[in-house]
Amino acid sequence: MSRSDVPPTNKKAIKCEDCGKWVTLQGYGGHRRFYHGEYQKILKQQLYNQVVNLRAKDKITKPQFDSMTQILSPASTSSMQEIQYIKDFITTLL
């Protein structure tokens, strides 16, 4: 089962305390690691470096740069969905 806003009726599931999504007991560990753990920190750092390079090459505007760096800062509590949106945007520019 993937993440869902409604609890499943056919499997045991729990609600993630961080994001409020329902996940199966079996998938909870991976969900925590992928969506709320080290992977997210590493991905944010990689994307931040790419955003800085894009700004240096003048491929993104200053307002775009500011909004993306705010989401990608280590102190931000951005969601994986926001990070994925930035990743997709960067991919279109490369």
C-alpha atoms as a PDB file:
ATOM      1  CA  MET A   1       0.000   0.000   0.000  1.00  0.00           C
ATOM      2  CA  SER A   2       1.245   3.454  -0.788  1.00  0.00           C
ATOM      3  CA  ARG A   3       0.701   6.503   1.345  1.00  0.00           C
ATOM      4  CA  SER A   4      -2.941   7.440   1.576  1.00  0.00           C
ATOM      5  CA  ASP A   5      -5.186   9.977   3.264  1.00  0.00           C
ATOM      6  CA  VAL A   6      -7.718   7.281   4.177  1.00  0.00           C
ATOM      7  CA  PRO A   7      -7.016   4.125   6.169  1.00  0.00           C
ATOM      8  CA  PRO A   8      -7.174   0.856   4.246  1.00  0.00           C
ATOM      9  CA  THR A   9      -9.895  -1.655   4.986  1.00  0.00           C
ATOM     10  CA  ASN A  10      -7.980  -4.793   4.032  1.00  0.00           C
ATOM     11  CA  LYS A  11      -4.656  -4.379   5.898  1.00  0.00           C
ATOM     12  CA  LYS A  12      -3.361  -3.191   9.237  1.00  0.00           C
ATOM     13  CA  ALA A  13      -2.128   0.359   8.923  1.00  0.00           C
ATOM     14  CA  ILE A  14      -0.962   3.235  11.066  1.00  0.00           C
ATOM     15  CA  LYS A  15      -1.039   6.958  10.602  1.00  0.00           C
ATOM     16  CA  CYS A  16       2.384   8.607  10.269  1.00  0.00           C
ATOM     17  CA  GLU A  17       2.832  11.146  13.044  1.00  0.00           C
ATOM     18  CA  ASP A  18       4.886  13.444  10.833  1.00  0.00           C
ATOM     19  CA  CYS A  19       2.812  13.719   7.672  1.00  0.00           C
ATOM     20  CA  GLY A  20      -0.560  12.262   8.640  1.00  0.00           C
ATOM     21  CA  LYS A  21      -0.597   9.704   5.815  1.00  0.00           C
ATOM     22  CA  TRP A  22      -1.757   6.129   6.363  1.00  0.00           C
ATOM     23  CA  VAL A  23       0.842   3.430   5.677  1.00  0.00           C
ATOM     24  CA  THR A  24       0.904  -0.311   6.268  1.00  0.00           C
ATOM     25  CA  LEU A  25       2.813  -1.621   9.236  1.00  0.00           C
ATOM     26  CA  GLN A  26       5.163  -3.392   6.859  1.00  0.00           C
ATOM     27  CA  GLY A  27       5.936  -0.198   4.914  1.00  0.00           C
ATOM     28  CA  TYR A  28       6.184   2.186   7.851  1.00  0.00           C
ATOM     29  CA  GLY A  29       9.954   1.797   8.327  1.00  0.00           C
ATOM     30  CA  GLY A  30      10.717   2.534   4.699  1.00  0.00           C
ATOM     31  CA  HIS A  31       8.269   5.433   4.680  1.00  0.00           C
ATOM     32  CA  ARG A  32      10.000   7.018   7.674  1.00  0.00           C
ATOM     33  CA  ARG A  33      13.453   6.508   6.181  1.00  0.00           C
ATOM     34  CA  PHE A  34      12.564   7.734   2.696  1.00  0.00           C
ATOM     35  CA  TYR A  35      10.143  10.570   3.406  1.00  0.00           C
ATOM     36  CA  HIS A  36      11.369  11.815   6.763  1.00  0.00           C
ATOM     37  CA  GLY A  37      14.955  10.631   7.148  1.00  0.00           C
ATOM     38  CA  GLU A  38      18.437  10.836   5.723  1.00  0.00           C
ATOM     39  CA  TYR A  39      17.369  10.456   2.095  1.00  0.00           C
ATOM     40  CA  GLN A  40      15.443  13.718   2.305  1.00  0.00           C
ATOM     41  CA  LYS A  41      18.442  15.580   3.767  1.00  0.00           C
ATOM     42  CA  ILE A  42      20.803  14.267   1.083  1.00  0.00           C
ATOM     43  CA  LEU A  43      18.345  15.057  -1.711  1.00  0.00           C
ATOM     44  CA  LYS A  44      17.800  18.599  -0.378  1.00  0.00           C
ATOM     45  CA  GLN A  45      21.572  19.222  -0.376  1.00  0.00           C
ATOM     46  CA  GLN A  46      22.005  17.884  -3.916  1.00  0.00           C
ATOM     47  CA  LEU A  47      19.119  19.980  -5.217  1.00  0.00           C
ATOM     48  CA  TYR A  48      20.394  23.061  -3.393  1.00  0.00           C
ATOM     49  CA  ASN A  49      23.755  22.704  -5.150  1.00  0.00           C
ATOM     50  CA  GLN A  50      22.000  22.361  -8.513  1.00  0.00           C
ATOM     51  CA  VAL A  51      19.864  25.447  -7.826  1.00  0.00           C
ATOM     52  CA  VAL A  52      22.974  27.483  -6.984  1.00  0.00           C
ATOM     53  CA  ASN A  53      24.597  26.355 -10.247  1.00  0.00           C
ATOM     54  CA  LEU A  54      21.475  27.221 -12.239  1.00  0.00           C
ATOM     55  CA  ARG A  55      21.383  30.683 -10.693  1.00  0.00           C
ATOM     56  CA  ALA A  56      25.079  31.184 -11.449  1.00  0.00           C
ATOM     57  CA  LYS A  57      24.372  30.288 -15.101  1.00  0.00           C
ATOM     58  CA  ASP A  58      21.386  32.689 -15.031  1.00  0.00           C
ATOM     59  CA  LYS A  59      18.930  29.923 -15.960  1.00  0.00           C
ATOM     60  CA  ILE A  60      16.544  30.815 -13.096  1.00  0.00           C
ATOM     61  CA  THR A  61      15.416  34.169 -11.802  1.00  0.00           C
ATOM     62  CA  LYS A  62      16.259  35.604  -8.395  1.00  0.00           C
ATOM     63  CA  PRO A  63      12.666  35.109  -7.073  1.00  0.00           C
ATOM     64  CA  GLN A  64      12.717  31.469  -8.241  1.00  0.00           C
ATOM     65  CA  PHE A  65      16.099  30.993  -6.577  1.00  0.00           C
ATOM     66  CA  ASP A  66      14.876  32.529  -3.321  1.00  0.00           C
ATOM     67  CA  SER A  67      11.734  30.394  -3.134  1.00  0.00           C
ATOM     68  CA  MET A  68      13.607  27.178  -3.956  1.00  0.00           C
ATOM     69  CA  THR A  69      16.413  27.799  -1.473  1.00  0.00           C
ATOM     70  CA  GLN A  70      13.843  28.512   1.225  1.00  0.00           C
ATOM     71  CA  ILE A  71      12.268  25.090   0.636  1.00  0.00           C
ATOM     72  CA  LEU A  72      15.661  23.370   0.389  1.00  0.00           C
ATOM     73  CA  SER A  73      17.245  24.937   3.466  1.00  0.00           C
ATOM     74  CA  PRO A  74      18.227  22.452   6.193  1.00  0.00           C
ATOM     75  CA  ALA A  75      15.979  24.237   8.699  1.00  0.00           C
ATOM     76  CA  SER A  76      12.858  24.017   6.532  1.00  0.00           C
ATOM     77  CA  THR A  77      10.138  21.472   7.183  1.00  0.00           C
ATOM     78  CA  SER A  78       9.324  21.035   3.518  1.00  0.00           C
ATOM     79  CA  SER A  79       7.471  17.959   2.383  1.00  0.00           C
ATOM     80  CA  MET A  80       8.776  15.340   0.001  1.00  0.00           C
ATOM     81  CA  GLN A  81       6.143  16.538  -2.468  1.00  0.00           C
ATOM     82  CA  GLU A  82       7.630  20.067  -2.496  1.00  0.00           C
ATOM     83  CA  ILE A  83      11.123  18.674  -2.905  1.00  0.00           C
ATOM     84  CA  GLN A  84       9.985  16.427  -5.759  1.00  0.00           C
ATOM     85  CA  TYR A  85       8.379  19.414  -7.485  1.00  0.00           C
ATOM     86  CA  ILE A  86      11.700  21.270  -7.395  1.00  0.00           C
ATOM     87  CA  LYS A  87      13.532  18.170  -8.616  1.00  0.00           C
ATOM     88  CA  ASP A  88      11.152  17.879 -11.583  1.00  0.00           C
ATOM     89  CA  PHE A  89      11.539  21.592 -12.365  1.00  0.00           C
ATOM     90  CA  ILE A  90      15.342  21.324 -12.329  1.00  0.00           C
ATOM     91  CA  THR A  91      15.186  18.268 -14.585  1.00  0.00           C
ATOM     92  CA  THR A  92      13.300  20.262 -17.215  1.00  0.00           C
ATOM     93  CA  LEU A  93      16.050  22.895 -17.211  1.00  0.00           C
ATOM     94  CA  LEU A  94      18.953  20.473 -17.579  1.00  0.00           C
END
